[in-house]
């Protein structure tokens, strides 16, 4: 008889199947996360949702985002450089 262990094909197949199912599950989660956009809520909607309840329990409040500040326009172009020899 041989001292060499034989490969149990049923165990190998079961392990391969478990790894394949795990890979398919991870791939499905990545695809669904990529395609489904997060649901954005206004401050008024969030006050009555889980976010507002959690904030209230923590002693915080949900306020709307401040509007963007007006920014000064950029100048038309770069300043003209002075010539090296003004002659």
N, C-alpha and C. Protein backbone atom coordinates (compact mmCIF):
# COMPACT_ATOMS: atom_id res chain seq x y z
N UNK A 1 0.83 -1.17 0.00
CA UNK A 1 0.00 0.00 0.00
C UNK A 1 0.88 1.24 0.00
N UNK A 2 0.30 2.28 -0.42
CA UNK A 2 1.00 3.55 -0.51
C UNK A 2 0.71 4.40 0.73
N UNK A 3 1.71 5.16 1.19
CA UNK A 3 1.52 6.05 2.32
C UNK A 3 0.96 7.41 1.88
N UNK A 4 0.80 7.56 0.61
CA UNK A 4 0.35 8.83 0.06
C UNK A 4 -1.15 8.97 0.23
N UNK A 5 -1.59 10.18 0.69
CA UNK A 5 -3.02 10.43 0.87
C UNK A 5 -3.65 10.75 -0.48
N UNK A 6 -4.80 10.21 -0.71
CA UNK A 6 -5.51 10.51 -1.95
C UNK A 6 -6.38 11.74 -1.74
N UNK A 7 -6.64 12.42 -2.80
CA UNK A 7 -7.45 13.64 -2.74
C UNK A 7 -8.92 13.22 -2.72
N UNK A 8 -9.63 13.73 -1.72
CA UNK A 8 -11.05 13.47 -1.63
C UNK A 8 -11.75 14.46 -2.56
N UNK A 9 -12.23 13.96 -3.68
CA UNK A 9 -12.81 14.83 -4.70
C UNK A 9 -14.11 15.49 -4.23
N UNK A 10 -14.85 14.86 -3.39
CA UNK A 10 -16.10 15.45 -2.90
C UNK A 10 -15.82 16.66 -2.03
N UNK A 11 -14.80 16.56 -1.18
CA UNK A 11 -14.43 17.70 -0.34
C UNK A 11 -13.89 18.84 -1.18
N UNK A 12 -13.07 18.52 -2.16
CA UNK A 12 -12.52 19.54 -3.05
C UNK A 12 -13.63 20.23 -3.84
N UNK A 13 -14.61 19.47 -4.29
CA UNK A 13 -15.73 20.05 -5.02
C UNK A 13 -16.58 20.93 -4.12
N UNK A 14 -16.78 20.53 -2.87
CA UNK A 14 -17.57 21.33 -1.94
C UNK A 14 -16.87 22.65 -1.62
N UNK A 15 -15.55 22.60 -1.43
CA UNK A 15 -14.79 23.82 -1.16
C UNK A 15 -14.83 24.75 -2.37
N UNK A 16 -14.66 24.18 -3.55
CA UNK A 16 -14.71 24.98 -4.78
C UNK A 16 -16.07 25.63 -4.97
N UNK A 17 -17.13 24.90 -4.66
CA UNK A 17 -18.48 25.44 -4.77
C UNK A 17 -18.70 26.57 -3.77
N UNK A 18 -18.20 26.41 -2.55
CA UNK A 18 -18.35 27.46 -1.54
C UNK A 18 -17.60 28.73 -1.95
N UNK A 19 -16.40 28.58 -2.49
CA UNK A 19 -15.63 29.73 -2.94
C UNK A 19 -16.32 30.41 -4.11
N UNK A 20 -16.87 29.63 -5.03
CA UNK A 20 -17.58 30.19 -6.18
C UNK A 20 -18.82 30.96 -5.75
N UNK A 21 -19.57 30.43 -4.80
CA UNK A 21 -20.78 31.11 -4.31
C UNK A 21 -20.40 32.40 -3.59
N UNK A 22 -19.31 32.37 -2.82
CA UNK A 22 -18.86 33.59 -2.14
C UNK A 22 -18.43 34.64 -3.15
N UNK A 23 -17.74 34.24 -4.20
CA UNK A 23 -17.32 35.20 -5.23
C UNK A 23 -18.52 35.80 -5.96
N UNK A 24 -19.51 34.99 -6.27
CA UNK A 24 -20.72 35.48 -6.94
C UNK A 24 -21.46 36.45 -6.02
N UNK A 25 -21.51 36.16 -4.73
CA UNK A 25 -22.18 37.05 -3.79
C UNK A 25 -21.49 38.39 -3.68
N UNK A 26 -20.15 38.39 -3.60
CA UNK A 26 -19.40 39.64 -3.53
C UNK A 26 -19.57 40.43 -4.82
N UNK A 27 -19.54 39.76 -5.95
CA UNK A 27 -19.73 40.43 -7.23
C UNK A 27 -21.12 41.05 -7.32
N UNK A 28 -22.13 40.33 -6.85
CA UNK A 28 -23.50 40.87 -6.86
C UNK A 28 -23.62 42.11 -5.98
N UNK A 29 -22.96 42.10 -4.82
CA UNK A 29 -23.01 43.28 -3.95
C UNK A 29 -22.30 44.47 -4.59
N UNK A 30 -21.18 44.23 -5.25
CA UNK A 30 -20.46 45.32 -5.91
C UNK A 30 -21.28 45.92 -7.05
N UNK A 31 -21.92 45.06 -7.84
CA UNK A 31 -22.73 45.55 -8.96
C UNK A 31 -23.94 46.32 -8.45
N UNK A 32 -24.63 45.82 -7.44
CA UNK A 32 -25.81 46.52 -6.94
C UNK A 32 -25.42 47.83 -6.27
N UNK A 33 -24.27 47.88 -5.63
CA UNK A 33 -23.81 49.12 -5.01
C UNK A 33 -23.44 50.14 -6.07
N UNK A 34 -22.91 49.70 -7.18
CA UNK A 34 -22.51 50.61 -8.26
C UNK A 34 -23.73 51.19 -8.98
N UNK A 35 -24.77 50.39 -9.19
CA UNK A 35 -25.92 50.83 -9.97
C UNK A 35 -26.93 51.61 -9.15
N UNK A 36 -27.05 51.34 -7.87
CA UNK A 36 -28.05 52.01 -7.05
C UNK A 36 -27.44 53.25 -6.41
N UNK A 37 -27.95 54.39 -6.78
CA UNK A 37 -27.48 55.66 -6.22
C UNK A 37 -28.01 55.84 -4.81
N UNK A 38 -27.28 56.52 -3.95
CA UNK A 38 -27.79 56.76 -2.60
C UNK A 38 -29.00 57.70 -2.66
N UNK A 39 -29.90 57.52 -1.73
CA UNK A 39 -31.09 58.34 -1.68
C UNK A 39 -30.77 59.62 -0.91
N UNK A 40 -30.86 60.75 -1.59
CA UNK A 40 -30.57 62.03 -0.97
C UNK A 40 -31.88 62.62 -0.47
N UNK A 41 -31.85 63.15 0.74
CA UNK A 41 -33.04 63.74 1.33
C UNK A 41 -32.75 65.18 1.70
N UNK A 42 -33.78 66.00 1.65
CA UNK A 42 -33.64 67.36 2.12
C UNK A 42 -33.62 67.33 3.64
N UNK A 43 -33.28 68.47 4.23
CA UNK A 43 -33.23 68.53 5.70
C UNK A 43 -34.62 68.29 6.29
N UNK A 44 -35.64 68.77 5.63
CA UNK A 44 -37.01 68.58 6.13
C UNK A 44 -37.40 67.10 6.11
N UNK A 45 -37.04 66.40 5.06
CA UNK A 45 -37.33 64.96 4.98
C UNK A 45 -36.49 64.19 5.99
N UNK A 46 -35.26 64.60 6.19
CA UNK A 46 -34.36 63.87 7.09
C UNK A 46 -34.76 64.03 8.55
N UNK A 47 -35.45 65.13 8.88
CA UNK A 47 -35.88 65.32 10.27
C UNK A 47 -36.80 64.21 10.73
N UNK A 48 -37.61 63.70 9.82
CA UNK A 48 -38.60 62.69 10.18
C UNK A 48 -38.15 61.28 9.80
N UNK A 49 -36.95 61.14 9.29
CA UNK A 49 -36.42 59.82 8.94
C UNK A 49 -35.47 59.36 10.04
N UNK A 50 -34.82 58.27 9.81
CA UNK A 50 -33.91 57.70 10.80
C UNK A 50 -32.78 58.68 11.13
N UNK A 51 -32.32 59.42 10.12
CA UNK A 51 -31.24 60.39 10.36
C UNK A 51 -31.66 61.43 11.38
N UNK A 52 -32.86 61.97 11.21
CA UNK A 52 -33.34 62.99 12.14
C UNK A 52 -33.55 62.45 13.53
N UNK A 53 -34.07 61.24 13.62
CA UNK A 53 -34.29 60.63 14.93
C UNK A 53 -32.97 60.39 15.64
N UNK A 54 -31.98 59.90 14.91
CA UNK A 54 -30.67 59.64 15.51
C UNK A 54 -30.01 60.95 15.93
N UNK A 55 -30.12 61.97 15.10
CA UNK A 55 -29.54 63.26 15.46
C UNK A 55 -30.22 63.84 16.70
N UNK A 56 -31.52 63.71 16.79
CA UNK A 56 -32.25 64.22 17.94
C UNK A 56 -31.86 63.45 19.21
N UNK A 57 -31.69 62.15 19.10
CA UNK A 57 -31.29 61.35 20.25
C UNK A 57 -29.88 61.73 20.72
N UNK A 58 -29.03 62.17 19.78
CA UNK A 58 -27.68 62.55 20.14
C UNK A 58 -27.59 64.00 20.60
N UNK A 59 -28.70 64.72 20.54
CA UNK A 59 -28.70 66.11 20.97
C UNK A 59 -28.33 67.09 19.87
N UNK A 60 -28.34 66.63 18.63
CA UNK A 60 -28.01 67.50 17.50
C UNK A 60 -29.29 67.85 16.75
N UNK A 61 -29.16 68.67 15.74
CA UNK A 61 -30.31 69.01 14.92
C UNK A 61 -29.89 68.97 13.46
N UNK A 62 -30.86 68.77 12.58
CA UNK A 62 -30.61 68.68 11.15
C UNK A 62 -31.02 70.01 10.53
N UNK A 63 -30.05 70.70 9.95
CA UNK A 63 -30.31 71.99 9.30
C UNK A 63 -30.02 71.88 7.81
N UNK A 64 -30.69 72.70 7.00
CA UNK A 64 -30.38 72.70 5.57
C UNK A 64 -28.97 73.24 5.33
N UNK A 65 -28.40 72.84 4.23
CA UNK A 65 -27.06 73.28 3.86
C UNK A 65 -27.09 74.76 3.50
N UNK A 66 -26.07 75.50 3.92
CA UNK A 66 -25.97 76.91 3.58
C UNK A 66 -25.79 77.07 2.08
N UNK A 67 -26.37 78.12 1.48
CA UNK A 67 -26.17 78.32 0.04
C UNK A 67 -24.71 78.66 -0.25
N UNK A 68 -24.31 78.36 -1.47
CA UNK A 68 -22.93 78.64 -1.86
C UNK A 68 -22.71 80.14 -1.91
N UNK A 69 -21.53 80.56 -1.50
CA UNK A 69 -21.19 81.97 -1.52
C UNK A 69 -20.82 82.40 -2.94
N UNK A 70 -21.14 83.64 -3.26
CA UNK A 70 -20.77 84.18 -4.57
C UNK A 70 -19.26 84.38 -4.61
N UNK A 71 -18.65 84.01 -5.69
CA UNK A 71 -17.21 84.12 -5.85
C UNK A 71 -16.93 85.24 -6.85
N UNK A 72 -15.91 86.03 -6.58
CA UNK A 72 -15.55 87.08 -7.51
C UNK A 72 -15.08 86.47 -8.82
N UNK A 73 -15.42 87.11 -9.95
CA UNK A 73 -14.98 86.56 -11.24
C UNK A 73 -13.48 86.69 -11.42
N UNK A 74 -12.93 85.80 -12.17
CA UNK A 74 -11.50 85.84 -12.46
C UNK A 74 -11.20 86.98 -13.44
N UNK A 75 -10.00 87.53 -13.38
CA UNK A 75 -9.66 88.55 -14.37
C UNK A 75 -9.62 87.94 -15.77
N UNK A 76 -9.72 88.82 -16.78
CA UNK A 76 -9.80 88.36 -18.17
C UNK A 76 -8.59 87.55 -18.59
N UNK A 77 -7.44 87.87 -18.10
CA UNK A 77 -6.24 87.14 -18.50
C UNK A 77 -5.08 87.50 -17.61
N UNK A 78 -3.90 86.97 -17.89
CA UNK A 78 -2.74 87.28 -17.05
C UNK A 78 -2.30 88.72 -17.27
N UNK A 79 -1.64 89.30 -16.28
CA UNK A 79 -1.10 90.65 -16.40
C UNK A 79 0.02 90.66 -17.43
N UNK A 80 0.12 91.77 -18.15
CA UNK A 80 1.18 91.89 -19.15
C UNK A 80 2.51 92.06 -18.45
N UNK A 81 3.52 91.38 -18.93
CA UNK A 81 4.87 91.48 -18.34
C UNK A 81 5.56 92.72 -18.89
N UNK A 82 6.39 93.34 -18.07
CA UNK A 82 7.16 94.49 -18.51
C UNK A 82 8.34 94.02 -19.37
N UNK A 83 8.61 94.72 -20.46
CA UNK A 83 9.75 94.30 -21.30
C UNK A 83 11.07 94.52 -20.56
N UNK A 84 12.07 93.70 -20.88
CA UNK A 84 13.38 93.80 -20.23
C UNK A 84 14.08 95.11 -20.59
N UNK A 85 14.00 95.54 -21.84
CA UNK A 85 14.62 96.79 -22.31
C UNK A 85 13.50 97.73 -22.74
N UNK A 86 13.18 98.76 -21.96
CA UNK A 86 12.07 99.61 -22.32
C UNK A 86 12.36 100.57 -23.49
N UNK A 87 13.46 100.43 -24.20
CA UNK A 87 13.77 101.32 -25.32
C UNK A 87 12.89 101.11 -26.49
